Amino acid sequence: MTTPTLYVKSGCPWCEEVLGYFAVHDISFLKVTVSGNPEAMQEMTELSGQSKAPTMEWDGEVLADFGVAELIPFLEARGAV
């Protein structure tokens, strides 16, 4: 299984919530901050078809514009929690 990539925006409360969840559950991930980074923003937009964060790509599957409630079943399906 590959390491998930989590795209976040500075000051985003949903991003902070998800980052906290990952920390509590000791889930490894690659954090990409798209705020002030046009290349990363373009990458996230091309990947997900939208510009909202957080957005996560994991093993070719994308979860976009989500909170912890949507994250948990996504992670459970991958045996991560």
PDB file of N, CA and C in Angstrom:
ATOM      1  N   MET A   1       0.842  -1.173   0.000  1.00  0.00           N
ATOM      2  CA  MET A   1       0.000   0.000   0.000  1.00  0.00           C
ATOM      3  C   MET A   1       0.891   1.241   0.000  1.00  0.00           C
ATOM      4  N   THR A   2       0.539   2.213  -0.810  1.00  0.00           N
ATOM      5  CA  THR A   2       1.320   3.441  -0.882  1.00  0.00           C
ATOM      6  C   THR A   2       0.913   4.400   0.234  1.00  0.00           C
ATOM      7  N   THR A   3       1.721   5.402   0.429  1.00  0.00           N
ATOM      8  CA  THR A   3       1.437   6.442   1.409  1.00  0.00           C
ATOM      9  C   THR A   3       0.436   7.419   0.806  1.00  0.00           C
ATOM     10  N   PRO A   4      -0.627   7.759   1.536  1.00  0.00           N
ATOM     11  CA  PRO A   4      -1.593   8.713   0.996  1.00  0.00           C
ATOM     12  C   PRO A   4      -0.991  10.112   0.902  1.00  0.00           C
ATOM     13  N   THR A   5      -1.477  10.871  -0.060  1.00  0.00           N
ATOM     14  CA  THR A   5      -1.104  12.272  -0.200  1.00  0.00           C
ATOM     15  C   THR A   5      -2.311  13.097   0.214  1.00  0.00           C
ATOM     16  N   LEU A   6      -2.090  14.010   1.158  1.00  0.00           N
ATOM     17  CA  LEU A   6      -3.152  14.865   1.670  1.00  0.00           C
ATOM     18  C   LEU A   6      -2.851  16.297   1.269  1.00  0.00           C
ATOM     19  N   TYR A   7      -3.749  16.880   0.471  1.00  0.00           N
ATOM     20  CA  TYR A   7      -3.631  18.267   0.045  1.00  0.00           C
ATOM     21  C   TYR A   7      -4.448  19.120   1.005  1.00  0.00           C
ATOM     22  N   VAL A   8      -3.812  20.148   1.557  1.00  0.00           N
ATOM     23  CA  VAL A   8      -4.474  21.009   2.534  1.00  0.00           C
ATOM     24  C   VAL A   8      -4.258  22.478   2.184  1.00  0.00           C
ATOM     25  N   LYS A   9      -5.112  23.329   2.780  1.00  0.00           N
ATOM     26  CA  LYS A   9      -4.975  24.781   2.665  1.00  0.00           C
ATOM     27  C   LYS A   9      -4.710  25.345   4.050  1.00  0.00           C
ATOM     28  N   SER A  10      -3.882  26.355   4.116  1.00  0.00           N
ATOM     29  CA  SER A  10      -3.601  27.034   5.373  1.00  0.00           C
ATOM     30  C   SER A  10      -4.883  27.660   5.918  1.00  0.00           C
ATOM     31  N   GLY A  11      -5.109  27.504   7.224  1.00  0.00           N
ATOM     32  CA  GLY A  11      -6.270  28.103   7.867  1.00  0.00           C
ATOM     33  C   GLY A  11      -7.576  27.371   7.648  1.00  0.00           C
ATOM     34  N   CYS A  12      -7.561  26.251   6.985  1.00  0.00           N
ATOM     35  CA  CYS A  12      -8.768  25.472   6.703  1.00  0.00           C
ATOM     36  C   CYS A  12      -9.134  24.629   7.923  1.00  0.00           C
ATOM     37  N   PRO A  13     -10.306  24.867   8.539  1.00  0.00           N
ATOM     38  CA  PRO A  13     -10.663  24.099   9.734  1.00  0.00           C
ATOM     39  C   PRO A  13     -10.858  22.609   9.467  1.00  0.00           C
ATOM     40  N   TRP A  14     -11.363  22.251   8.288  1.00  0.00           N
ATOM     41  CA  TRP A  14     -11.542  20.836   7.956  1.00  0.00           C
ATOM     42  C   TRP A  14     -10.192  20.160   7.776  1.00  0.00           C
ATOM     43  N   CYS A  15      -9.244  20.894   7.207  1.00  0.00           N
ATOM     44  CA  CYS A  15      -7.885  20.356   7.044  1.00  0.00           C
ATOM     45  C   CYS A  15      -7.257  20.104   8.409  1.00  0.00           C
ATOM     46  N   GLU A  16      -7.410  21.052   9.320  1.00  0.00           N
ATOM     47  CA  GLU A  16      -6.852  20.899  10.668  1.00  0.00           C
ATOM     48  C   GLU A  16      -7.485  19.703  11.381  1.00  0.00           C
ATOM     49  N   GLU A  17      -8.783  19.524  11.210  1.00  0.00           N
ATOM     50  CA  GLU A  17      -9.477  18.393  11.822  1.00  0.00           C
ATOM     51  C   GLU A  17      -8.924  17.068  11.299  1.00  0.00           C
ATOM     52  N   VAL A  18      -8.730  16.983   9.995  1.00  0.00           N
ATOM     53  CA  VAL A  18      -8.212  15.763   9.376  1.00  0.00           C
ATOM     54  C   VAL A  18      -6.754  15.525   9.791  1.00  0.00           C
ATOM     55  N   LEU A  19      -5.951  16.574   9.823  1.00  0.00           N
ATOM     56  CA  LEU A  19      -4.563  16.433  10.266  1.00  0.00           C
ATOM     57  C   LEU A  19      -4.511  15.913  11.701  1.00  0.00           C
ATOM     58  N   GLY A  20      -5.394  16.414  12.552  1.00  0.00           N
ATOM     59  CA  GLY A  20      -5.463  15.937  13.933  1.00  0.00           C
ATOM     60  C   GLY A  20      -5.852  14.474  13.997  1.00  0.00           C
ATOM     61  N   TYR A  21      -6.799  14.064  13.182  1.00  0.00           N
ATOM     62  CA  TYR A  21      -7.230  12.666  13.153  1.00  0.00           C
ATOM     63  C   TYR A  21      -6.076  11.761  12.739  1.00  0.00           C
ATOM     64  N   PHE A  22      -5.347  12.168  11.703  1.00  0.00           N
ATOM     65  CA  PHE A  22      -4.196  11.382  11.251  1.00  0.00           C
ATOM     66  C   PHE A  22      -3.157  11.261  12.359  1.00  0.00           C
ATOM     67  N   ALA A  23      -2.918  12.360  13.081  1.00  0.00           N
ATOM     68  CA  ALA A  23      -1.920  12.346  14.161  1.00  0.00           C
ATOM     69  C   ALA A  23      -2.345  11.421  15.292  1.00  0.00           C
ATOM     70  N   VAL A  24      -3.599  11.498  15.714  1.00  0.00           N
ATOM     71  CA  VAL A  24      -4.099  10.666  16.816  1.00  0.00           C
ATOM     72  C   VAL A  24      -4.029   9.188  16.460  1.00  0.00           C
ATOM     73  N   HIS A  25      -4.300   8.867  15.203  1.00  0.00           N
ATOM     74  CA  HIS A  25      -4.323   7.473  14.763  1.00  0.00           C
ATOM     75  C   HIS A  25      -2.999   7.022  14.150  1.00  0.00           C
ATOM     76  N   ASP A  26      -1.993   7.878  14.237  1.00  0.00           N
ATOM     77  CA  ASP A  26      -0.639   7.555  13.774  1.00  0.00           C
ATOM     78  C   ASP A  26      -0.635   7.026  12.335  1.00  0.00           C
ATOM     79  N   ILE A  27      -1.320   7.738  11.464  1.00  0.00           N
ATOM     80  CA  ILE A  27      -1.389   7.367  10.055  1.00  0.00           C
ATOM     81  C   ILE A  27      -0.362   8.207   9.292  1.00  0.00           C
ATOM     82  N   SER A  28       0.541   7.540   8.605  1.00  0.00           N
ATOM     83  CA  SER A  28       1.560   8.234   7.816  1.00  0.00           C
ATOM     84  C   SER A  28       0.943   8.767   6.538  1.00  0.00           C
ATOM     85  N   PHE A  29       1.389   9.943   6.130  1.00  0.00           N
ATOM     86  CA  PHE A  29       0.887  10.548   4.901  1.00  0.00           C
ATOM     87  C   PHE A  29       1.864  11.610   4.442  1.00  0.00           C
ATOM     88  N   LEU A  30       1.731  11.998   3.186  1.00  0.00           N
ATOM     89  CA  LEU A  30       2.505  13.088   2.618  1.00  0.00           C
ATOM     90  C   LEU A  30       1.596  14.309   2.602  1.00  0.00           C
ATOM     91  N   LYS A  31       1.983  15.358   3.299  1.00  0.00           N
ATOM     92  CA  LYS A  31       1.188  16.585   3.357  1.00  0.00           C
ATOM     93  C   LYS A  31       1.671  17.549   2.288  1.00  0.00           C
ATOM     94  N   VAL A  32       0.722  18.038   1.476  1.00  0.00           N
ATOM     95  CA  VAL A  32       1.028  19.021   0.443  1.00  0.00           C
ATOM     96  C   VAL A  32       0.142  20.235   0.699  1.00  0.00           C
ATOM     97  N   THR A  33       0.756  21.360   1.033  1.00  0.00           N
ATOM     98  CA  THR A  33       0.005  22.591   1.259  1.00  0.00           C
ATOM     99  C   THR A  33      -0.129  23.314  -0.074  1.00  0.00           C
ATOM    100  N   VAL A  34      -1.377  23.538  -0.487  1.00  0.00           N
ATOM    101  CA  VAL A  34      -1.626  24.152  -1.790  1.00  0.00           C
ATOM    102  C   VAL A  34      -1.720  25.670  -1.705  1.00  0.00           C
ATOM    103  N   SER A  35      -1.908  26.205  -0.511  1.00  0.00           N
ATOM    104  CA  SER A  35      -1.960  27.663  -0.342  1.00  0.00           C
ATOM    105  C   SER A  35      -0.627  28.267  -0.743  1.00  0.00           C
ATOM    106  N   GLY A  36      -0.662  29.217  -1.685  1.00  0.00           N
ATOM    107  CA  GLY A  36       0.558  29.871  -2.130  1.00  0.00           C
ATOM    108  C   GLY A  36       1.454  29.003  -2.992  1.00  0.00           C
ATOM    109  N   ASN A  37       0.943  27.853  -3.431  1.00  0.00           N
ATOM    110  CA  ASN A  37       1.733  26.938  -4.250  1.00  0.00           C
ATOM    111  C   ASN A  37       0.920  26.590  -5.502  1.00  0.00           C
ATOM    112  N   PRO A  38       1.024  27.397  -6.552  1.00  0.00           N
ATOM    113  CA  PRO A  38       0.199  27.177  -7.752  1.00  0.00           C
ATOM    114  C   PRO A  38       0.368  25.791  -8.374  1.00  0.00           C
ATOM    115  N   GLU A  39       1.574  25.246  -8.336  1.00  0.00           N
ATOM    116  CA  GLU A  39       1.795  23.924  -8.922  1.00  0.00           C
ATOM    117  C   GLU A  39       1.034  22.851  -8.148  1.00  0.00           C
ATOM    118  N   ALA A  40       1.097  22.931  -6.824  1.00  0.00           N
ATOM    119  CA  ALA A  40       0.381  21.951  -5.996  1.00  0.00           C
ATOM    120  C   ALA A  40      -1.124  22.113  -6.154  1.00  0.00           C
ATOM    121  N   MET A  41      -1.601  23.357  -6.238  1.00  0.00           N
ATOM    122  CA  MET A  41      -3.033  23.608  -6.436  1.00  0.00           C
ATOM    123  C   MET A  41      -3.489  23.016  -7.768  1.00  0.00           C
ATOM    124  N   GLN A  42      -2.698  23.191  -8.811  1.00  0.00           N
ATOM    125  CA  GLN A  42      -3.049  22.632 -10.115  1.00  0.00           C
ATOM    126  C   GLN A  42      -3.072  21.106 -10.052  1.00  0.00           C
ATOM    127  N   GLU A  43      -2.090  20.524  -9.381  1.00  0.00           N
ATOM    128  CA  GLU A  43      -2.029  19.069  -9.225  1.00  0.00           C
ATOM    129  C   GLU A  43      -3.286  18.554  -8.522  1.00  0.00           C
ATOM    130  N   MET A  44      -3.676  19.213  -7.423  1.00  0.00           N
ATOM    131  CA  MET A  44      -4.862  18.799  -6.681  1.00  0.00           C
ATOM    132  C   MET A  44      -6.123  18.949  -7.533  1.00  0.00           C
ATOM    133  N   THR A  45      -6.213  20.061  -8.264  1.00  0.00           N
ATOM    134  CA  THR A  45      -7.383  20.321  -9.101  1.00  0.00           C
ATOM    135  C   THR A  45      -7.493  19.296 -10.227  1.00  0.00           C
ATOM    136  N   GLU A  46      -6.390  18.979 -10.858  1.00  0.00           N
ATOM    137  CA  GLU A  46      -6.399  17.975 -11.927  1.00  0.00           C
ATOM    138  C   GLU A  46      -6.750  16.593 -11.381  1.00  0.00           C
ATOM    139  N   LEU A  47      -6.265  16.296 -10.204  1.00  0.00           N
ATOM    140  CA  LEU A  47      -6.511  14.999  -9.573  1.00  0.00           C
ATOM    141  C   LEU A  47      -7.977  14.821  -9.194  1.00  0.00           C
ATOM    142  N   SER A  48      -8.563  15.870  -8.618  1.00  0.00           N
ATOM    143  CA  SER A  48      -9.900  15.742  -8.030  1.00  0.00           C
ATOM    144  C   SER A  48     -11.010  16.422  -8.821  1.00  0.00           C
ATOM    145  N   GLY A  49     -10.653  17.274  -9.769  1.00  0.00           N
ATOM    146  CA  GLY A  49     -11.666  17.981 -10.537  1.00  0.00           C
ATOM    147  C   GLY A  49     -12.288  19.142  -9.791  1.00  0.00           C
ATOM    148  N   GLN A  50     -11.683  19.554  -8.679  1.00  0.00           N
ATOM    149  CA  GLN A  50     -12.204  20.677  -7.899  1.00  0.00           C
ATOM    150  C   GLN A  50     -11.053  21.314  -7.124  1.00  0.00           C
ATOM    151  N   SER A  51     -11.335  22.433  -6.445  1.00  0.00           N
ATOM    152  CA  SER A  51     -10.254  23.166  -5.771  1.00  0.00           C
ATOM    153  C   SER A  51     -10.429  23.239  -4.260  1.00  0.00           C
ATOM    154  N   LYS A  52     -11.272  22.387  -3.715  1.00  0.00           N
ATOM    155  CA  LYS A  52     -11.519  22.437  -2.267  1.00  0.00           C
ATOM    156  C   LYS A  52     -10.615  21.458  -1.530  1.00  0.00           C
ATOM    157  N   ALA A  53     -10.273  21.838  -0.310  1.00  0.00           N
ATOM    158  CA  ALA A  53      -9.426  20.999   0.534  1.00  0.00           C
ATOM    159  C   ALA A  53     -10.167  20.714   1.837  1.00  0.00           C
ATOM    160  N   PRO A  54      -9.822  19.625   2.496  1.00  0.00           N
ATOM    161  CA  PRO A  54      -8.757  18.702   2.128  1.00  0.00           C
ATOM    162  C   PRO A  54      -9.158  17.794   0.972  1.00  0.00           C
ATOM    163  N   THR A  55      -8.148  17.347   0.278  1.00  0.00           N
ATOM    164  CA  THR A  55      -8.289  16.345  -0.770  1.00  0.00           C
ATOM    165  C   THR A  55      -7.192  15.315  -0.541  1.00  0.00           C
ATOM    166  N   MET A  56      -7.557  14.034  -0.671  1.00  0.00           N
ATOM    167  CA  MET A  56      -6.585  12.976  -0.453  1.00  0.00           C
ATOM    168  C   MET A  56      -6.604  12.003  -1.625  1.00  0.00           C
ATOM    169  N   GLU A  57      -5.406  11.583  -2.019  1.00  0.00           N
ATOM    170  CA  GLU A  57      -5.254  10.535  -3.032  1.00  0.00           C
ATOM    171  C   GLU A  57      -4.541   9.379  -2.360  1.00  0.00           C
ATOM    172  N   TRP A  58      -5.122   8.184  -2.522  1.00  0.00           N
ATOM    173  CA  TRP A  58      -4.523   7.001  -1.909  1.00  0.00           C
ATOM    174  C   TRP A  58      -4.725   5.819  -2.844  1.00  0.00           C
ATOM    175  N   ASP A  59      -3.651   5.270  -3.312  1.00  0.00           N
ATOM    176  CA  ASP A  59      -3.686   4.122  -4.220  1.00  0.00           C
ATOM    177  C   ASP A  59      -4.627   4.350  -5.405  1.00  0.00           C
ATOM    178  N   GLY A  60      -4.576   5.551  -5.969  1.00  0.00           N
ATOM    179  CA  GLY A  60      -5.377   5.855  -7.149  1.00  0.00           C
ATOM    180  C   GLY A  60      -6.803   6.278  -6.872  1.00  0.00           C
ATOM    181  N   GLU A  61      -7.231   6.255  -5.619  1.00  0.00           N
ATOM    182  CA  GLU A  61      -8.575   6.710  -5.268  1.00  0.00           C
ATOM    183  C   GLU A  61      -8.491   8.085  -4.645  1.00  0.00           C
ATOM    184  N   VAL A  62      -9.483   8.922  -4.938  1.00  0.00           N
ATOM    185  CA  VAL A  62      -9.475  10.302  -4.476  1.00  0.00           C
ATOM    186  C   VAL A  62     -10.685  10.556  -3.587  1.00  0.00           C
ATOM    187  N   LEU A  63     -10.425  11.202  -2.449  1.00  0.00           N
ATOM    188  CA  LEU A  63     -11.466  11.687  -1.555  1.00  0.00           C
ATOM    189  C   LEU A  63     -11.284  13.188  -1.505  1.00  0.00           C
ATOM    190  N   ALA A  64     -12.297  13.936  -1.972  1.00  0.00           N
ATOM    191  CA  ALA A  64     -12.158  15.381  -2.095  1.00  0.00           C
ATOM    192  C   ALA A  64     -13.170  16.115  -1.227  1.00  0.00           C
ATOM    193  N   ASP A  65     -12.738  17.262  -0.707  1.00  0.00           N
ATOM    194  CA  ASP A  65     -13.613  18.159   0.046  1.00  0.00           C
ATOM    195  C   ASP A  65     -14.360  17.387   1.131  1.00  0.00           C
ATOM    196  N   PHE A  66     -13.623  16.866   2.107  1.00  0.00           N
ATOM    197  CA  PHE A  66     -14.209  15.977   3.104  1.00  0.00           C
ATOM    198  C   PHE A  66     -13.870  16.416   4.516  1.00  0.00           C
ATOM    199  N   GLY A  67     -14.585  15.843   5.455  1.00  0.00           N
ATOM    200  CA  GLY A  67     -14.307  15.999   6.868  1.00  0.00           C
ATOM    201  C   GLY A  67     -14.041  14.623   7.455  1.00  0.00           C
ATOM    202  N   VAL A  68     -13.861  14.570   8.766  1.00  0.00           N
ATOM    203  CA  VAL A  68     -13.543  13.299   9.420  1.00  0.00           C
ATOM    204  C   VAL A  68     -14.664  12.277   9.215  1.00  0.00           C
ATOM    205  N   ALA A  69     -15.923  12.722   9.196  1.00  0.00           N
ATOM    206  CA  ALA A  69     -17.045  11.788   9.008  1.00  0.00           C
ATOM    207  C   ALA A  69     -16.927  11.029   7.692  1.00  0.00           C
ATOM    208  N   GLU A  70     -16.450  11.667   6.650  1.00  0.00           N
ATOM    209  CA  GLU A  70     -16.260  11.000   5.351  1.00  0.00           C
ATOM    210  C   GLU A  70     -14.928  10.252   5.311  1.00  0.00           C
ATOM    211  N   LEU A  71     -13.959  10.725   6.071  1.00  0.00           N
ATOM    212  CA  LEU A  71     -12.640  10.109   6.085  1.00  0.00           C
ATOM    213  C   LEU A  71     -12.653   8.720   6.717  1.00  0.00           C
ATOM    214  N   ILE A  72     -13.373   8.556   7.812  1.00  0.00           N
ATOM    215  CA  ILE A  72     -13.343   7.292   8.555  1.00  0.00           C
ATOM    216  C   ILE A  72     -13.724   6.099   7.686  1.00  0.00           C
ATOM    217  N   PRO A  73     -14.867   6.112   6.976  1.00  0.00           N
ATOM    218  CA  PRO A  73     -15.167   4.940   6.138  1.00  0.00           C
ATOM    219  C   PRO A  73     -14.156   4.724   5.017  1.00  0.00           C
ATOM    220  N   PHE A  74     -13.597   5.806   4.494  1.00  0.00           N
ATOM    221  CA  PHE A  74     -12.562   5.699   3.463  1.00  0.00           C
ATOM    222  C   PHE A  74     -11.341   4.961   4.007  1.00  0.00           C
ATOM    223  N   LEU A  75     -10.928   5.313   5.234  1.00  0.00           N
ATOM    224  CA  LEU A  75      -9.792   4.655   5.861  1.00  0.00           C
ATOM    225  C   LEU A  75     -10.115   3.224   6.290  1.00  0.00           C
ATOM    226  N   GLU A  76     -11.308   3.001   6.798  1.00  0.00           N
ATOM    227  CA  GLU A  76     -11.717   1.651   7.220  1.00  0.00           C
ATOM    228  C   GLU A  76     -11.688   0.694   6.039  1.00  0.00           C
ATOM    229  N   ALA A  77     -12.095   1.154   4.876  1.00  0.00           N
ATOM    230  CA  ALA A  77     -12.106   0.320   3.669  1.00  0.00           C
ATOM    231  C   ALA A  77     -10.696  -0.097   3.265  1.00  0.00           C
ATOM    232  N   ARG A  78      -9.699   0.650   3.729  1.00  0.00           N
ATOM    233  CA  ARG A  78      -8.307   0.349   3.416  1.00  0.00           C
ATOM    234  C   ARG A  78      -7.568  -0.293   4.584  1.00  0.00           C
ATOM    235  N   GLY A  79      -8.278  -0.574   5.659  1.00  0.00           N
ATOM    236  CA  GLY A  79      -7.674  -1.213   6.836  1.00  0.00           C
ATOM    237  C   GLY A  79      -6.710  -0.314   7.572  1.00  0.00           C
ATOM    238  N   ALA A  80      -6.874   1.007   7.437  1.00  0.00           N
ATOM    239  CA  ALA A  80      -5.952   1.948   8.062  1.00  0.00           C
ATOM    240  C   ALA A  80      -6.348   2.310   9.496  1.00  0.00           C
ATOM    241  N   VAL A  81      -7.590   2.041   9.868  1.00  0.00           N
ATOM    242  CA  VAL A  81      -8.038   2.301  11.259  1.00  0.00           C
ATOM    243  C   VAL A  81      -8.833   1.120  11.766  1.00  0.00           C
TER     244      VAL A  81
END
